[in-house]
Amino acid sequence: MQAEMQIESLMDAMHAAILAADYDALGQLSPALDAALAELPQHLEEKALRRLRCKAERNATSACAAAKGVRAAIQRMKDVRQIASGLVTYDENGQRSGPSGQRELSQRL
């Protein structure tokens, strides 16, 4: 019972860290969760397993969303740098085309 309560507490702390984008805290909580999971008894009641699984799925969903946001921010920074370095134009389909006319030339050939 003590191990599962500790695991639940750690999972809740990890969820709060994900929501707060506190990646340092996640790095510190992860080894503690690994250690607590190693101490978890082999046989738990079904209700406790469902609770742990639900929290694990919640954390996984939140972590995936956070990762998606980080990737979007990285892409946005790349876009800003590219725009700052020179002219960016768009074609008739709304796709970026390079600063030179090479794309148009290759399409004509």
PDB file of N, CA and C in Angstrom:
ATOM      1  N   MET A   1       0.819  -1.194   0.000  1.00  0.00           N
ATOM      2  CA  MET A   1       0.000   0.000   0.000  1.00  0.00           C
ATOM      3  C   MET A   1       0.863   1.259   0.000  1.00  0.00           C
ATOM      4  N   GLN A   2       1.944   1.234   0.768  1.00  0.00           N
ATOM      5  CA  GLN A   2       2.835   2.391   0.856  1.00  0.00           C
ATOM      6  C   GLN A   2       3.486   2.686  -0.501  1.00  0.00           C
ATOM      7  N   ALA A   3       3.933   1.639  -1.193  1.00  0.00           N
ATOM      8  CA  ALA A   3       4.601   1.825  -2.490  1.00  0.00           C
ATOM      9  C   ALA A   3       3.646   2.424  -3.518  1.00  0.00           C
ATOM     10  N   GLU A   4       2.417   1.937  -3.575  1.00  0.00           N
ATOM     11  CA  GLU A   4       1.481   2.468  -4.574  1.00  0.00           C
ATOM     12  C   GLU A   4       1.104   3.912  -4.274  1.00  0.00           C
ATOM     13  N   MET A   5       1.022   4.275  -3.001  1.00  0.00           N
ATOM     14  CA  MET A   5       0.729   5.673  -2.650  1.00  0.00           C
ATOM     15  C   MET A   5       1.898   6.573  -3.039  1.00  0.00           C
ATOM     16  N   GLN A   6       3.121   6.081  -2.838  1.00  0.00           N
ATOM     17  CA  GLN A   6       4.297   6.850  -3.227  1.00  0.00           C
ATOM     18  C   GLN A   6       4.335   7.025  -4.746  1.00  0.00           C
ATOM     19  N   ILE A   7       4.002   5.969  -5.472  1.00  0.00           N
ATOM     20  CA  ILE A   7       3.983   6.034  -6.936  1.00  0.00           C
ATOM     21  C   ILE A   7       2.928   7.030  -7.408  1.00  0.00           C
ATOM     22  N   GLU A   8       1.752   6.975  -6.813  1.00  0.00           N
ATOM     23  CA  GLU A   8       0.698   7.923  -7.184  1.00  0.00           C
ATOM     24  C   GLU A   8       1.134   9.357  -6.916  1.00  0.00           C
ATOM     25  N   SER A   9       1.771   9.573  -5.784  1.00  0.00           N
ATOM     26  CA  SER A   9       2.254  10.910  -5.441  1.00  0.00           C
ATOM     27  C   SER A   9       3.298  11.392  -6.448  1.00  0.00           C
ATOM     28  N   LEU A  10       4.213  10.503  -6.811  1.00  0.00           N
ATOM     29  CA  LEU A  10       5.239  10.858  -7.800  1.00  0.00           C
ATOM     30  C   LEU A  10       4.617  11.128  -9.166  1.00  0.00           C
ATOM     31  N   MET A  11       3.628  10.328  -9.543  1.00  0.00           N
ATOM     32  CA  MET A  11       2.959  10.549 -10.836  1.00  0.00           C
ATOM     33  C   MET A  11       2.211  11.883 -10.842  1.00  0.00           C
ATOM     34  N   ASP A  12       1.599  12.229  -9.735  1.00  0.00           N
ATOM     35  CA  ASP A  12       0.914  13.522  -9.644  1.00  0.00           C
ATOM     36  C   ASP A  12       1.922  14.673  -9.737  1.00  0.00           C
ATOM     37  N   ALA A  13       3.070  14.499  -9.073  1.00  0.00           N
ATOM     38  CA  ALA A  13       4.112  15.530  -9.132  1.00  0.00           C
ATOM     39  C   ALA A  13       4.660  15.655 -10.552  1.00  0.00           C
ATOM     40  N   MET A  14       4.807  14.525 -11.238  1.00  0.00           N
ATOM     41  CA  MET A  14       5.286  14.562 -12.617  1.00  0.00           C
ATOM     42  C   MET A  14       4.268  15.265 -13.517  1.00  0.00           C
ATOM     43  N   HIS A  15       3.006  15.007 -13.304  1.00  0.00           N
ATOM     44  CA  HIS A  15       1.967  15.660 -14.107  1.00  0.00           C
ATOM     45  C   HIS A  15       2.004  17.172 -13.901  1.00  0.00           C
ATOM     46  N   ALA A  16       2.151  17.580 -12.645  1.00  0.00           N
ATOM     47  CA  ALA A  16       2.236  19.016 -12.355  1.00  0.00           C
ATOM     48  C   ALA A  16       3.474  19.626 -13.014  1.00  0.00           C
ATOM     49  N   ALA A  17       4.581  18.884 -13.012  1.00  0.00           N
ATOM     50  CA  ALA A  17       5.809  19.380 -13.639  1.00  0.00           C
ATOM     51  C   ALA A  17       5.650  19.492 -15.149  1.00  0.00           C
ATOM     52  N   ILE A  18       4.954  18.529 -15.751  1.00  0.00           N
ATOM     53  CA  ILE A  18       4.713  18.592 -17.199  1.00  0.00           C
ATOM     54  C   ILE A  18       3.874  19.822 -17.535  1.00  0.00           C
ATOM     55  N   LEU A  19       2.813  20.033 -16.760  1.00  0.00           N
ATOM     56  CA  LEU A  19       1.933  21.180 -17.024  1.00  0.00           C
ATOM     57  C   LEU A  19       2.647  22.510 -16.820  1.00  0.00           C
ATOM     58  N   ALA A  20       3.606  22.528 -15.893  1.00  0.00           N
ATOM     59  CA  ALA A  20       4.349  23.762 -15.614  1.00  0.00           C
ATOM     60  C   ALA A  20       5.597  23.891 -16.480  1.00  0.00           C
ATOM     61  N   ALA A  21       5.839  22.913 -17.352  1.00  0.00           N
ATOM     62  CA  ALA A  21       7.043  22.870 -18.195  1.00  0.00           C
ATOM     63  C   ALA A  21       8.303  22.928 -17.347  1.00  0.00           C
ATOM     64  N   ASP A  22       8.264  22.275 -16.194  1.00  0.00           N
ATOM     65  CA  ASP A  22       9.408  22.219 -15.282  1.00  0.00           C
ATOM     66  C   ASP A  22      10.183  20.942 -15.577  1.00  0.00           C
ATOM     67  N   TYR A  23      11.002  20.992 -16.622  1.00  0.00           N
ATOM     68  CA  TYR A  23      11.703  19.802 -17.083  1.00  0.00           C
ATOM     69  C   TYR A  23      12.813  19.372 -16.131  1.00  0.00           C
ATOM     70  N   ASP A  24      13.339  20.308 -15.344  1.00  0.00           N
ATOM     71  CA  ASP A  24      14.327  19.940 -14.327  1.00  0.00           C
ATOM     72  C   ASP A  24      13.686  19.044 -13.274  1.00  0.00           C
ATOM     73  N   ALA A  25      12.484  19.396 -12.854  1.00  0.00           N
ATOM     74  CA  ALA A  25      11.776  18.585 -11.858  1.00  0.00           C
ATOM     75  C   ALA A  25      11.473  17.198 -12.420  1.00  0.00           C
ATOM     76  N   LEU A  26      11.118  17.130 -13.700  1.00  0.00           N
ATOM     77  CA  LEU A  26      10.860  15.825 -14.313  1.00  0.00           C
ATOM     78  C   LEU A  26      12.102  14.942 -14.264  1.00  0.00           C
ATOM     79  N   GLY A  27      13.239  15.549 -14.521  1.00  0.00           N
ATOM     80  CA  GLY A  27      14.494  14.802 -14.477  1.00  0.00           C
ATOM     81  C   GLY A  27      14.810  14.275 -13.088  1.00  0.00           C
ATOM     82  N   GLN A  28      14.393  14.994 -12.077  1.00  0.00           N
ATOM     83  CA  GLN A  28      14.629  14.551 -10.694  1.00  0.00           C
ATOM     84  C   GLN A  28      13.586  13.527 -10.252  1.00  0.00           C
ATOM     85  N   LEU A  29      12.367  13.650 -10.740  1.00  0.00           N
ATOM     86  CA  LEU A  29      11.297  12.736 -10.327  1.00  0.00           C
ATOM     87  C   LEU A  29      11.399  11.367 -10.997  1.00  0.00           C
ATOM     88  N   SER A  30      11.929  11.334 -12.188  1.00  0.00           N
ATOM     89  CA  SER A  30      11.979  10.089 -12.946  1.00  0.00           C
ATOM     90  C   SER A  30      12.747   8.970 -12.225  1.00  0.00           C
ATOM     91  N   PRO A  31      13.957   9.214 -11.711  1.00  0.00           N
ATOM     92  CA  PRO A  31      14.646   8.136 -10.995  1.00  0.00           C
ATOM     93  C   PRO A  31      13.898   7.704  -9.725  1.00  0.00           C
ATOM     94  N   ALA A  32      13.254   8.657  -9.062  1.00  0.00           N
ATOM     95  CA  ALA A  32      12.488   8.313  -7.861  1.00  0.00           C
ATOM     96  C   ALA A  32      11.306   7.414  -8.226  1.00  0.00           C
ATOM     97  N   LEU A  33      10.656   7.698  -9.348  1.00  0.00           N
ATOM     98  CA  LEU A  33       9.550   6.856  -9.786  1.00  0.00           C
ATOM     99  C   LEU A  33      10.048   5.471 -10.169  1.00  0.00           C
ATOM    100  N   ASP A  34      11.179   5.402 -10.861  1.00  0.00           N
ATOM    101  CA  ASP A  34      11.755   4.105 -11.213  1.00  0.00           C
ATOM    102  C   ASP A  34      12.035   3.270  -9.970  1.00  0.00           C
ATOM    103  N   ALA A  35      12.590   3.898  -8.952  1.00  0.00           N
ATOM    104  CA  ALA A  35      12.898   3.185  -7.705  1.00  0.00           C
ATOM    105  C   ALA A  35      11.618   2.727  -7.013  1.00  0.00           C
ATOM    106  N   ALA A  36      10.607   3.571  -6.997  1.00  0.00           N
ATOM    107  CA  ALA A  36       9.336   3.199  -6.356  1.00  0.00           C
ATOM    108  C   ALA A  36       8.648   2.068  -7.115  1.00  0.00           C
ATOM    109  N   LEU A  37       8.736   2.086  -8.427  1.00  0.00           N
ATOM    110  CA  LEU A  37       8.148   1.010  -9.222  1.00  0.00           C
ATOM    111  C   LEU A  37       8.848  -0.320  -8.970  1.00  0.00           C
ATOM    112  N   ALA A  38      10.144  -0.270  -8.732  1.00  0.00           N
ATOM    113  CA  ALA A  38      10.889  -1.493  -8.440  1.00  0.00           C
ATOM    114  C   ALA A  38      10.445  -2.097  -7.104  1.00  0.00           C
ATOM    115  N   GLU A  39       9.969  -1.269  -6.192  1.00  0.00           N
ATOM    116  CA  GLU A  39       9.513  -1.737  -4.881  1.00  0.00           C
ATOM    117  C   GLU A  39       8.048  -2.169  -4.881  1.00  0.00           C
ATOM    118  N   LEU A  40       7.356  -1.958  -5.978  1.00  0.00           N
ATOM    119  CA  LEU A  40       5.935  -2.279  -6.051  1.00  0.00           C
ATOM    120  C   LEU A  40       5.741  -3.789  -5.974  1.00  0.00           C
ATOM    121  N   PRO A  41       4.832  -4.255  -5.119  1.00  0.00           N
ATOM    122  CA  PRO A  41       4.581  -5.698  -5.026  1.00  0.00           C
ATOM    123  C   PRO A  41       4.057  -6.255  -6.350  1.00  0.00           C
ATOM    124  N   GLN A  42       4.318  -7.515  -6.608  1.00  0.00           N
ATOM    125  CA  GLN A  42       3.898  -8.153  -7.853  1.00  0.00           C
ATOM    126  C   GLN A  42       2.384  -8.221  -7.988  1.00  0.00           C
ATOM    127  N   HIS A  43       1.702  -8.424  -6.882  1.00  0.00           N
ATOM    128  CA  HIS A  43       0.245  -8.594  -6.938  1.00  0.00           C
ATOM    129  C   HIS A  43      -0.431  -7.421  -6.245  1.00  0.00           C
ATOM    130  N   LEU A  44      -1.121  -6.638  -7.033  1.00  0.00           N
ATOM    131  CA  LEU A  44      -1.910  -5.522  -6.516  1.00  0.00           C
ATOM    132  C   LEU A  44      -3.368  -5.781  -6.832  1.00  0.00           C
ATOM    133  N   GLU A  45      -4.229  -5.175  -6.045  1.00  0.00           N
ATOM    134  CA  GLU A  45      -5.647  -5.322  -6.348  1.00  0.00           C
ATOM    135  C   GLU A  45      -5.973  -4.554  -7.625  1.00  0.00           C
ATOM    136  N   GLU A  46      -6.995  -4.998  -8.293  1.00  0.00           N
ATOM    137  CA  GLU A  46      -7.372  -4.445  -9.596  1.00  0.00           C
ATOM    138  C   GLU A  46      -7.656  -2.942  -9.535  1.00  0.00           C
ATOM    139  N   LYS A  47      -8.271  -2.499  -8.470  1.00  0.00           N
ATOM    140  CA  LYS A  47      -8.606  -1.084  -8.321  1.00  0.00           C
ATOM    141  C   LYS A  47      -7.350  -0.222  -8.293  1.00  0.00           C
ATOM    142  N   ALA A  48      -6.335  -0.667  -7.575  1.00  0.00           N
ATOM    143  CA  ALA A  48      -5.072   0.072  -7.498  1.00  0.00           C
ATOM    144  C   ALA A  48      -4.376   0.092  -8.851  1.00  0.00           C
ATOM    145  N   LEU A  49      -4.391  -1.032  -9.553  1.00  0.00           N
ATOM    146  CA  LEU A  49      -3.778  -1.087 -10.882  1.00  0.00           C
ATOM    147  C   LEU A  49      -4.470  -0.140 -11.861  1.00  0.00           C
ATOM    148  N   ARG A  50      -5.802  -0.094 -11.803  1.00  0.00           N
ATOM    149  CA  ARG A  50      -6.538   0.815 -12.679  1.00  0.00           C
ATOM    150  C   ARG A  50      -6.188   2.276 -12.396  1.00  0.00           C
ATOM    151  N   ARG A  51      -6.071   2.605 -11.115  1.00  0.00           N
ATOM    152  CA  ARG A  51      -5.721   3.978 -10.740  1.00  0.00           C
ATOM    153  C   ARG A  51      -4.339   4.344 -11.267  1.00  0.00           C
ATOM    154  N   LEU A  52      -3.373   3.443 -11.092  1.00  0.00           N
ATOM    155  CA  LEU A  52      -2.008   3.705 -11.571  1.00  0.00           C
ATOM    156  C   LEU A  52      -1.974   3.795 -13.090  1.00  0.00           C
ATOM    157  N   ARG A  53      -2.695   2.914 -13.765  1.00  0.00           N
ATOM    158  CA  ARG A  53      -2.725   2.933 -15.226  1.00  0.00           C
ATOM    159  C   ARG A  53      -3.349   4.234 -15.738  1.00  0.00           C
ATOM    160  N   CYS A  54      -4.404   4.674 -15.083  1.00  0.00           N
ATOM    161  CA  CYS A  54      -5.075   5.915 -15.483  1.00  0.00           C
ATOM    162  C   CYS A  54      -4.125   7.103 -15.352  1.00  0.00           C
ATOM    163  N   LYS A  55      -3.380   7.154 -14.246  1.00  0.00           N
ATOM    164  CA  LYS A  55      -2.433   8.256 -14.054  1.00  0.00           C
ATOM    165  C   LYS A  55      -1.279   8.166 -15.043  1.00  0.00           C
ATOM    166  N   ALA A  56      -0.835   6.957 -15.333  1.00  0.00           N
ATOM    167  CA  ALA A  56       0.247   6.784 -16.305  1.00  0.00           C
ATOM    168  C   ALA A  56      -0.202   7.239 -17.694  1.00  0.00           C
ATOM    169  N   GLU A  57      -1.441   6.896 -18.074  1.00  0.00           N
ATOM    170  CA  GLU A  57      -1.958   7.322 -19.377  1.00  0.00           C
ATOM    171  C   GLU A  57      -2.131   8.835 -19.426  1.00  0.00           C
ATOM    172  N   ARG A  58      -2.585   9.424 -18.329  1.00  0.00           N
ATOM    173  CA  ARG A  58      -2.737  10.887 -18.254  1.00  0.00           C
ATOM    174  C   ARG A  58      -1.380  11.559 -18.440  1.00  0.00           C
ATOM    175  N   ASN A  59      -0.366  11.034 -17.751  1.00  0.00           N
ATOM    176  CA  ASN A  59       0.973  11.613 -17.860  1.00  0.00           C
ATOM    177  C   ASN A  59       1.539  11.436 -19.261  1.00  0.00           C
ATOM    178  N   ALA A  60       1.299  10.284 -19.865  1.00  0.00           N
ATOM    179  CA  ALA A  60       1.800  10.042 -21.218  1.00  0.00           C
ATOM    180  C   ALA A  60       1.150  11.002 -22.212  1.00  0.00           C
ATOM    181  N   THR A  61      -0.149  11.205 -22.072  1.00  0.00           N
ATOM    182  CA  THR A  61      -0.859  12.135 -22.952  1.00  0.00           C
ATOM    183  C   THR A  61      -0.328  13.553 -22.775  1.00  0.00           C
ATOM    184  N   SER A  62      -0.126  13.956 -21.538  1.00  0.00           N
ATOM    185  CA  SER A  62       0.386  15.301 -21.260  1.00  0.00           C
ATOM    186  C   SER A  62       1.811  15.465 -21.788  1.00  0.00           C
ATOM    187  N   ALA A  63       2.635  14.430 -21.622  1.00  0.00           N
ATOM    188  CA  ALA A  63       4.016  14.495 -22.101  1.00  0.00           C
ATOM    189  C   ALA A  63       4.060  14.583 -23.624  1.00  0.00           C
ATOM    190  N   CYS A  64       3.190  13.838 -24.302  1.00  0.00           N
ATOM    191  CA  CYS A  64       3.129  13.909 -25.773  1.00  0.00           C
ATOM    192  C   CYS A  64       2.706  15.298 -26.232  1.00  0.00           C
ATOM    193  N   ALA A  65       1.741  15.867 -25.545  1.00  0.00           N
ATOM    194  CA  ALA A  65       1.285  17.220 -25.906  1.00  0.00           C
ATOM    195  C   ALA A  65       2.396  18.243 -25.657  1.00  0.00           C
ATOM    196  N   ALA A  66       3.125  18.086 -24.559  1.00  0.00           N
ATOM    197  CA  ALA A  66       4.226  19.003 -24.268  1.00  0.00           C
ATOM    198  C   ALA A  66       5.325  18.873 -25.324  1.00  0.00           C
ATOM    199  N   ALA A  67       5.622  17.649 -25.719  1.00  0.00           N
ATOM    200  CA  ALA A  67       6.643  17.429 -26.750  1.00  0.00           C
ATOM    201  C   ALA A  67       6.210  18.050 -28.076  1.00  0.00           C
ATOM    202  N   LYS A  68       4.928  17.919 -28.398  1.00  0.00           N
ATOM    203  CA  LYS A  68       4.412  18.523 -29.627  1.00  0.00           C
ATOM    204  C   LYS A  68       4.557  20.044 -29.579  1.00  0.00           C
ATOM    205  N   GLY A  69       4.292  20.628 -28.424  1.00  0.00           N
ATOM    206  CA  GLY A  69       4.443  22.069 -28.263  1.00  0.00           C
ATOM    207  C   GLY A  69       5.885  22.513 -28.394  1.00  0.00           C
ATOM    208  N   VAL A  70       6.802  21.738 -27.840  1.00  0.00           N
ATOM    209  CA  VAL A  70       8.225  22.072 -27.946  1.00  0.00           C
ATOM    210  C   VAL A  70       8.669  21.994 -29.402  1.00  0.00           C
ATOM    211  N   ARG A  71       8.232  20.948 -30.102  1.00  0.00           N
ATOM    212  CA  ARG A  71       8.583  20.833 -31.531  1.00  0.00           C
ATOM    213  C   ARG A  71       8.018  22.003 -32.330  1.00  0.00           C
ATOM    214  N   ALA A  72       6.798  22.422 -32.017  1.00  0.00           N
ATOM    215  CA  ALA A  72       6.195  23.565 -32.717  1.00  0.00           C
ATOM    216  C   ALA A  72       6.976  24.841 -32.435  1.00  0.00           C
ATOM    217  N   ALA A  73       7.429  25.007 -31.207  1.00  0.00           N
ATOM    218  CA  ALA A  73       8.212  26.199 -30.861  1.00  0.00           C
ATOM    219  C   ALA A  73       9.551  26.200 -31.593  1.00  0.00           C
ATOM    220  N   ILE A  74      10.170  25.039 -31.682  1.00  0.00           N
ATOM    221  CA  ILE A  74      11.445  24.930 -32.411  1.00  0.00           C
ATOM    222  C   ILE A  74      11.236  25.275 -33.880  1.00  0.00           C
ATOM    223  N   GLN A  75      10.165  24.758 -34.477  1.00  0.00           N
ATOM    224  CA  GLN A  75       9.874  25.054 -35.881  1.00  0.00           C
ATOM    225  C   GLN A  75       9.604  26.538 -36.076  1.00  0.00           C
ATOM    226  N   ARG A  76       8.881  27.145 -35.141  1.00  0.00           N
ATOM    227  CA  ARG A  76       8.586  28.575 -35.236  1.00  0.00           C
ATOM    228  C   ARG A  76       9.870  29.395 -35.182  1.00  0.00           C
ATOM    229  N   MET A  77      10.788  29.003 -34.304  1.00  0.00           N
ATOM    230  CA  MET A  77      12.072  29.716 -34.211  1.00  0.00           C
ATOM    231  C   MET A  77      12.858  29.583 -35.520  1.00  0.00           C
ATOM    232  N   LYS A  78      12.817  28.404 -36.141  1.00  0.00           N
ATOM    233  CA  LYS A  78      13.478  28.220 -37.434  1.00  0.00           C
ATOM    234  C   LYS A  78      12.850  29.136 -38.479  1.00  0.00           C
ATOM    235  N   ASP A  79      11.518  29.204 -38.472  1.00  0.00           N
ATOM    236  CA  ASP A  79      10.819  30.063 -39.426  1.00  0.00           C
ATOM    237  C   ASP A  79      11.201  31.528 -39.241  1.00  0.00           C
ATOM    238  N   VAL A  80      11.251  31.969 -38.003  1.00  0.00           N
ATOM    239  CA  VAL A  80      11.592  33.365 -37.708  1.00  0.00           C
ATOM    240  C   VAL A  80      13.013  33.666 -38.167  1.00  0.00           C
ATOM    241  N   ARG A  81      13.927  32.749 -37.903  1.00  0.00           N
ATOM    242  CA  ARG A  81      15.317  32.951 -38.338  1.00  0.00           C
ATOM    243  C   ARG A  81      15.414  33.005 -39.855  1.00  0.00           C
ATOM    244  N   GLN A  82      14.676  32.132 -40.528  1.00  0.00           N
ATOM    245  CA  GLN A  82      14.722  32.115 -41.991  1.00  0.00           C
ATOM    246  C   GLN A  82      14.160  33.414 -42.551  1.00  0.00           C
ATOM    247  N   ILE A  83      13.065  33.874 -42.004  1.00  0.00           N
ATOM    248  CA  ILE A  83      12.462  35.117 -42.482  1.00  0.00           C
ATOM    249  C   ILE A  83      13.398  36.290 -42.221  1.00  0.00           C
ATOM    250  N   ALA A  84      14.057  36.289 -41.063  1.00  0.00           N
ATOM    251  CA  ALA A  84      14.962  37.382 -40.720  1.00  0.00           C
ATOM    252  C   ALA A  84      16.189  37.407 -41.625  1.00  0.00           C
ATOM    253  N   SER A  85      16.556  36.245 -42.173  1.00  0.00           N
ATOM    254  CA  SER A  85      17.768  36.189 -42.997  1.00  0.00           C
ATOM    255  C   SER A  85      17.531  36.577 -44.456  1.00  0.00           C
ATOM    256  N   GLY A  86      16.305  36.721 -44.874  1.00  0.00           N
ATOM    257  CA  GLY A  86      16.077  37.095 -46.262  1.00  0.00           C
ATOM    258  C   GLY A  86      14.629  36.998 -46.657  1.00  0.00           C
ATOM    259  N   LEU A  87      14.397  37.188 -47.930  1.00  0.00           N
ATOM    260  CA  LEU A  87      13.059  37.191 -48.488  1.00  0.00           C
ATOM    261  C   LEU A  87      12.501  35.767 -48.557  1.00  0.00           C
ATOM    262  N   VAL A  88      11.281  35.619 -48.133  1.00  0.00           N
ATOM    263  CA  VAL A  88      10.587  34.343 -48.244  1.00  0.00           C
ATOM    264  C   VAL A  88       9.304  34.609 -49.015  1.00  0.00           C
ATOM    265  N   THR A  89       9.091  33.820 -50.058  1.00  0.00           N
ATOM    266  CA  THR A  89       7.882  33.986 -50.850  1.00  0.00           C
ATOM    267  C   THR A  89       7.069  32.693 -50.813  1.00  0.00           C
ATOM    268  N   TYR A  90       5.830  32.809 -51.236  1.00  0.00           N
ATOM    269  CA  TYR A  90       4.917  31.671 -51.234  1.00  0.00           C
ATOM    270  C   TYR A  90       4.360  31.477 -52.636  1.00  0.00           C
ATOM    271  N   ASP A  91       4.103  30.232 -52.987  1.00  0.00           N
ATOM    272  CA  ASP A  91       3.542  29.959 -54.304  1.00  0.00           C
ATOM    273  C   ASP A  91       2.012  30.048 -54.263  1.00  0.00           C
ATOM    274  N   GLU A  92       1.387  29.714 -55.377  1.00  0.00           N
ATOM    275  CA  GLU A  92      -0.071  29.832 -55.462  1.00  0.00           C
ATOM    276  C   GLU A  92      -0.810  28.868 -54.533  1.00  0.00           C
ATOM    277  N   ASN A  93      -0.113  27.846 -54.041  1.00  0.00           N
ATOM    278  CA  ASN A  93      -0.721  26.885 -53.123  1.00  0.00           C
ATOM    279  C   ASN A  93      -0.462  27.223 -51.653  1.00  0.00           C
ATOM    280  N   GLY A  94       0.200  28.333 -51.425  1.00  0.00           N
ATOM    281  CA  GLY A  94       0.503  28.727 -50.058  1.00  0.00           C
ATOM    282  C   GLY A  94       1.732  28.051 -49.485  1.00  0.00           C
ATOM    283  N   GLN A  95       2.508  27.379 -50.326  1.00  0.00           N
ATOM    284  CA  GLN A  95       3.736  26.724 -49.891  1.00  0.00           C
ATOM    285  C   GLN A  95       4.905  27.682 -50.054  1.00  0.00           C
ATOM    286  N   ARG A  96       5.844  27.575 -49.130  1.00  0.00           N
ATOM    287  CA  ARG A  96       7.028  28.432 -49.238  1.00  0.00           C
ATOM    288  C   ARG A  96       7.842  28.057 -50.457  1.00  0.00           C
ATOM    289  N   SER A  97       8.325  29.065 -51.107  1.00  0.00           N
ATOM    290  CA  SER A  97       9.282  28.837 -52.187  1.00  0.00           C
ATOM    291  C   SER A  97      10.563  29.558 -51.802  1.00  0.00           C
ATOM    292  N   GLY A  98      11.661  29.082 -52.322  1.00  0.00           N
ATOM    293  CA  GLY A  98      12.954  29.659 -51.970  1.00  0.00           C
ATOM    294  C   GLY A  98      13.096  31.079 -52.469  1.00  0.00           C
ATOM    295  N   PRO A  99      14.122  31.763 -52.011  1.00  0.00           N
ATOM    296  CA  PRO A  99      14.323  33.144 -52.429  1.00  0.00           C
ATOM    297  C   PRO A  99      14.694  33.277 -53.897  1.00  0.00           C
ATOM    298  N   SER A 100      15.158  32.202 -54.509  1.00  0.00           N
ATOM    299  CA  SER A 100      15.510  32.288 -55.931  1.00  0.00           C
ATOM    300  C   SER A 100      14.402  31.651 -56.762  1.00  0.00           C
ATOM    301  N   GLY A 101      14.485  31.810 -58.057  1.00  0.00           N
ATOM    302  CA  GLY A 101      13.478  31.253 -58.947  1.00  0.00           C
ATOM    303  C   GLY A 101      13.791  29.847 -59.396  1.00  0.00           C
ATOM    304  N   GLN A 102      14.647  29.134 -58.699  1.00  0.00           N
ATOM    305  CA  GLN A 102      15.044  27.800 -59.118  1.00  0.00           C
ATOM    306  C   GLN A 102      13.859  26.834 -59.165  1.00  0.00           C
ATOM    307  N   ARG A 103      12.934  26.974 -58.252  1.00  0.00           N
ATOM    308  CA  ARG A 103      11.798  26.063 -58.221  1.00  0.00           C
ATOM    309  C   ARG A 103      10.956  26.220 -59.485  1.00  0.00           C
ATOM    310  N   GLU A 104      10.722  27.462 -59.890  1.00  0.00           N
ATOM    311  CA  GLU A 104       9.933  27.714 -61.073  1.00  0.00           C
ATOM    312  C   GLU A 104      10.647  27.184 -62.308  1.00  0.00           C
ATOM    313  N   LEU A 105      11.942  27.376 -62.381  1.00  0.00           N
ATOM    314  CA  LEU A 105      12.720  26.907 -63.509  1.00  0.00           C
ATOM    315  C   LEU A 105      12.657  25.387 -63.615  1.00  0.00           C
ATOM    316  N   SER A 106      12.795  24.704 -62.496  1.00  0.00           N
ATOM    317  CA  SER A 106      12.764  23.244 -62.538  1.00  0.00           C
ATOM    318  C   SER A 106      11.371  22.734 -62.920  1.00  0.00           C
ATOM    319  N   GLN A 107      10.335  23.477 -62.581  1.00  0.00           N
ATOM    320  CA  GLN A 107       8.986  23.053 -62.952  1.00  0.00           C
ATOM    321  C   GLN A 107       8.764  23.243 -64.451  1.00  0.00           C
ATOM    322  N   ARG A 108       9.390  24.238 -65.044  1.00  0.00           N
ATOM    323  CA  ARG A 108       9.218  24.476 -66.469  1.00  0.00           C
ATOM    324  C   ARG A 108       9.933  23.395 -67.287  1.00  0.00           C
ATOM    325  N   LEU A 109      11.056  22.921 -66.793  1.00  0.00           N
ATOM    326  CA  LEU A 109      11.805  21.914 -67.534  1.00  0.00           C
ATOM    327  C   LEU A 109      11.149  20.590 -67.333  1.00  0.00           C
TER     328      LEU A 109
END
